[in-house]
C-alpha cells in the first residue's frame, strides 16, 4: 500500500476530518467538510513521493506529468491564498 493510502486511513481513524479548524479561505466540499491548504499540500506530497508504481519510461513520464500538475496546483493555491490575504 502506498504512503498516500496509509495516510488517508490514519487520518480517517484519527478523526482529522472532524477536528480541522474552519477558516474563511478553506475549500468547502459537497459533504460540508473543509479541506485546508495544508491538507492539500500533504496529499499532493504523498502522491508525488509515491513512486512504487513507476517501473519504466512510460510510467516515469506519467509520474512526471502528475508531479508537474500537483506542483502547479499547490503554487496556484498559494498565490491565490496570498492574494485573498492581501485583499482583506
C-alpha atoms as a PDB file:
ATOM      1  CA  UNK A   1       0.000   0.000   0.000  1.00  0.00           C
ATOM      2  CA  UNK A   2       1.368   3.438  -0.926  1.00  0.00           C
ATOM      3  CA  UNK A   3       2.091   6.114   1.625  1.00  0.00           C
ATOM      4  CA  UNK A   4      -0.842   8.202   0.353  1.00  0.00           C
ATOM      5  CA  UNK A   5      -3.338   5.445   1.117  1.00  0.00           C
ATOM      6  CA  UNK A   6      -1.763   4.809   4.509  1.00  0.00           C
ATOM      7  CA  UNK A   7      -2.009   8.489   5.453  1.00  0.00           C
ATOM      8  CA  UNK A   8      -5.676   8.656   4.396  1.00  0.00           C
ATOM      9  CA  UNK A   9      -6.517   5.635   6.522  1.00  0.00           C
ATOM     10  CA  UNK A  10      -4.606   7.077   9.501  1.00  0.00           C
ATOM     11  CA  UNK A  11      -6.327  10.458   9.173  1.00  0.00           C
ATOM     12  CA  UNK A  12      -9.767   8.861   8.963  1.00  0.00           C
ATOM     13  CA  UNK A  13      -9.051   6.729  12.029  1.00  0.00           C
ATOM     14  CA  UNK A  14      -7.825   9.761  13.971  1.00  0.00           C
ATOM     15  CA  UNK A  15     -10.893  11.785  13.017  1.00  0.00           C
ATOM     16  CA  UNK A  16      -8.888  14.596  11.459  1.00  0.00           C
ATOM     17  CA  UNK A  17     -11.739  15.490   9.138  1.00  0.00           C
ATOM     18  CA  UNK A  18     -13.943  16.412  12.083  1.00  0.00           C
ATOM     19  CA  UNK A  19     -11.187  18.173  14.057  1.00  0.00           C
ATOM     20  CA  UNK A  20      -9.880  20.555  11.393  1.00  0.00           C
ATOM     21  CA  UNK A  21     -10.454  24.197  12.159  1.00  0.00           C
ATOM     22  CA  UNK A  22     -12.677  26.018   9.671  1.00  0.00           C
ATOM     23  CA  UNK A  23     -11.181  29.169   8.160  1.00  0.00           C
ATOM     24  CA  UNK A  24     -12.575  31.593   5.571  1.00  0.00           C
ATOM     25  CA  UNK A  25     -10.153  30.512   2.859  1.00  0.00           C
ATOM     26  CA  UNK A  26     -10.861  26.788   3.312  1.00  0.00           C
ATOM     27  CA  UNK A  27     -12.438  24.932   0.425  1.00  0.00           C
ATOM     28  CA  UNK A  28     -15.906  23.564   1.067  1.00  0.00           C
ATOM     29  CA  UNK A  29     -16.632  20.037  -0.146  1.00  0.00           C
ATOM     30  CA  UNK A  30     -20.032  18.698  -1.128  1.00  0.00           C
ATOM     31  CA  UNK A  31     -20.255  16.858   2.198  1.00  0.00           C
ATOM     32  CA  UNK A  32     -19.814  20.108   4.124  1.00  0.00           C
ATOM     33  CA  UNK A  33     -16.320  19.233   5.356  1.00  0.00           C
ATOM     34  CA  UNK A  34     -13.393  21.574   4.841  1.00  0.00           C
ATOM     35  CA  UNK A  35     -10.090  20.878   3.196  1.00  0.00           C
ATOM     36  CA  UNK A  36      -7.270  23.150   4.284  1.00  0.00           C
ATOM     37  CA  UNK A  37      -4.449  24.234   2.010  1.00  0.00           C
ATOM     38  CA  UNK A  38      -2.035  22.391   4.294  1.00  0.00           C
ATOM     39  CA  UNK A  39      -4.007  19.145   3.843  1.00  0.00           C
ATOM     40  CA  UNK A  40      -3.972  19.556   0.056  1.00  0.00           C
ATOM     41  CA  UNK A  41      -0.202  20.076   0.181  1.00  0.00           C
ATOM     42  CA  UNK A  42       0.262  16.947   2.321  1.00  0.00           C
ATOM     43  CA  UNK A  43      -1.844  14.851  -0.045  1.00  0.00           C
ATOM     44  CA  UNK A  44      -0.010  16.195  -3.096  1.00  0.00           C
ATOM     45  CA  UNK A  45       3.353  15.459  -1.463  1.00  0.00           C
ATOM     46  CA  UNK A  46       2.257  11.888  -0.687  1.00  0.00           C
ATOM     47  CA  UNK A  47       1.170  11.359  -4.302  1.00  0.00           C
ATOM     48  CA  UNK A  48       4.422  12.851  -5.630  1.00  0.00           C
ATOM     49  CA  UNK A  49       6.516  10.719  -3.263  1.00  0.00           C
ATOM     50  CA  UNK A  50       4.668   7.503  -4.206  1.00  0.00           C
ATOM     51  CA  UNK A  51       6.882   6.013  -6.911  1.00  0.00           C
ATOM     52  CA  UNK A  52       6.240   2.327  -6.218  1.00  0.00           C
ATOM     53  CA  UNK A  53       4.319   2.008  -9.483  1.00  0.00           C
ATOM     54  CA  UNK A  54       6.986   3.714 -11.645  1.00  0.00           C
ATOM     55  CA  UNK A  55       8.837   0.912 -13.436  1.00  0.00           C
ATOM     56  CA  UNK A  56       9.598   2.063 -16.998  1.00  0.00           C
ATOM     57  CA  UNK A  57       9.943   5.166 -19.156  1.00  0.00           C
ATOM     58  CA  UNK A  58       6.193   5.387 -19.774  1.00  0.00           C
ATOM     59  CA  UNK A  59       5.175   5.340 -16.116  1.00  0.00           C
ATOM     60  CA  UNK A  60       8.106   7.678 -15.342  1.00  0.00           C
ATOM     61  CA  UNK A  61       6.698  10.157 -17.884  1.00  0.00           C
ATOM     62  CA  UNK A  62       3.242   9.760 -16.341  1.00  0.00           C
ATOM     63  CA  UNK A  63       4.663  10.359 -12.855  1.00  0.00           C
ATOM     64  CA  UNK A  64       6.483  13.472 -14.102  1.00  0.00           C
ATOM     65  CA  UNK A  65       3.210  14.807 -15.519  1.00  0.00           C
ATOM     66  CA  UNK A  66       1.331  14.116 -12.287  1.00  0.00           C
ATOM     67  CA  UNK A  67       4.121  15.739 -10.287  1.00  0.00           C
ATOM     68  CA  UNK A  68       4.114  18.821 -12.512  1.00  0.00           C
ATOM     69  CA  UNK A  69       0.338  19.180 -12.279  1.00  0.00           C
ATOM     70  CA  UNK A  70       0.293  18.858  -8.489  1.00  0.00           C
ATOM     71  CA  UNK A  71       3.130  21.353  -8.099  1.00  0.00           C
ATOM     72  CA  UNK A  72       1.241  23.812 -10.326  1.00  0.00           C
ATOM     73  CA  UNK A  73      -1.916  23.286  -8.249  1.00  0.00           C
ATOM     74  CA  UNK A  74      -0.067  23.970  -4.992  1.00  0.00           C
ATOM     75  CA  UNK A  75       1.664  27.044  -6.440  1.00  0.00           C
ATOM     76  CA  UNK A  76      -1.667  28.421  -7.720  1.00  0.00           C
ATOM     77  CA  UNK A  77      -3.395  27.834  -4.383  1.00  0.00           C
ATOM     78  CA  UNK A  78      -0.541  29.534  -2.509  1.00  0.00           C
ATOM     79  CA  UNK A  79      -0.626  32.529  -4.868  1.00  0.00           C
ATOM     80  CA  UNK A  80      -4.391  32.938  -4.658  1.00  0.00           C
ATOM     81  CA  UNK A  81      -4.288  32.498  -0.875  1.00  0.00           C
ATOM     82  CA  UNK A  82      -1.825  35.370  -0.548  1.00  0.00           C
ATOM     83  CA  UNK A  83      -3.966  37.478  -2.915  1.00  0.00           C
ATOM     84  CA  UNK A  84      -7.009  36.834  -0.713  1.00  0.00           C
ATOM     85  CA  UNK A  85      -4.990  37.744   2.386  1.00  0.00           C
ATOM     86  CA  UNK A  86      -3.838  40.990   0.746  1.00  0.00           C
ATOM     87  CA  UNK A  87      -7.433  41.914  -0.186  1.00  0.00           C
ATOM     88  CA  UNK A  88      -8.570  41.774   3.460  1.00  0.00           C
END
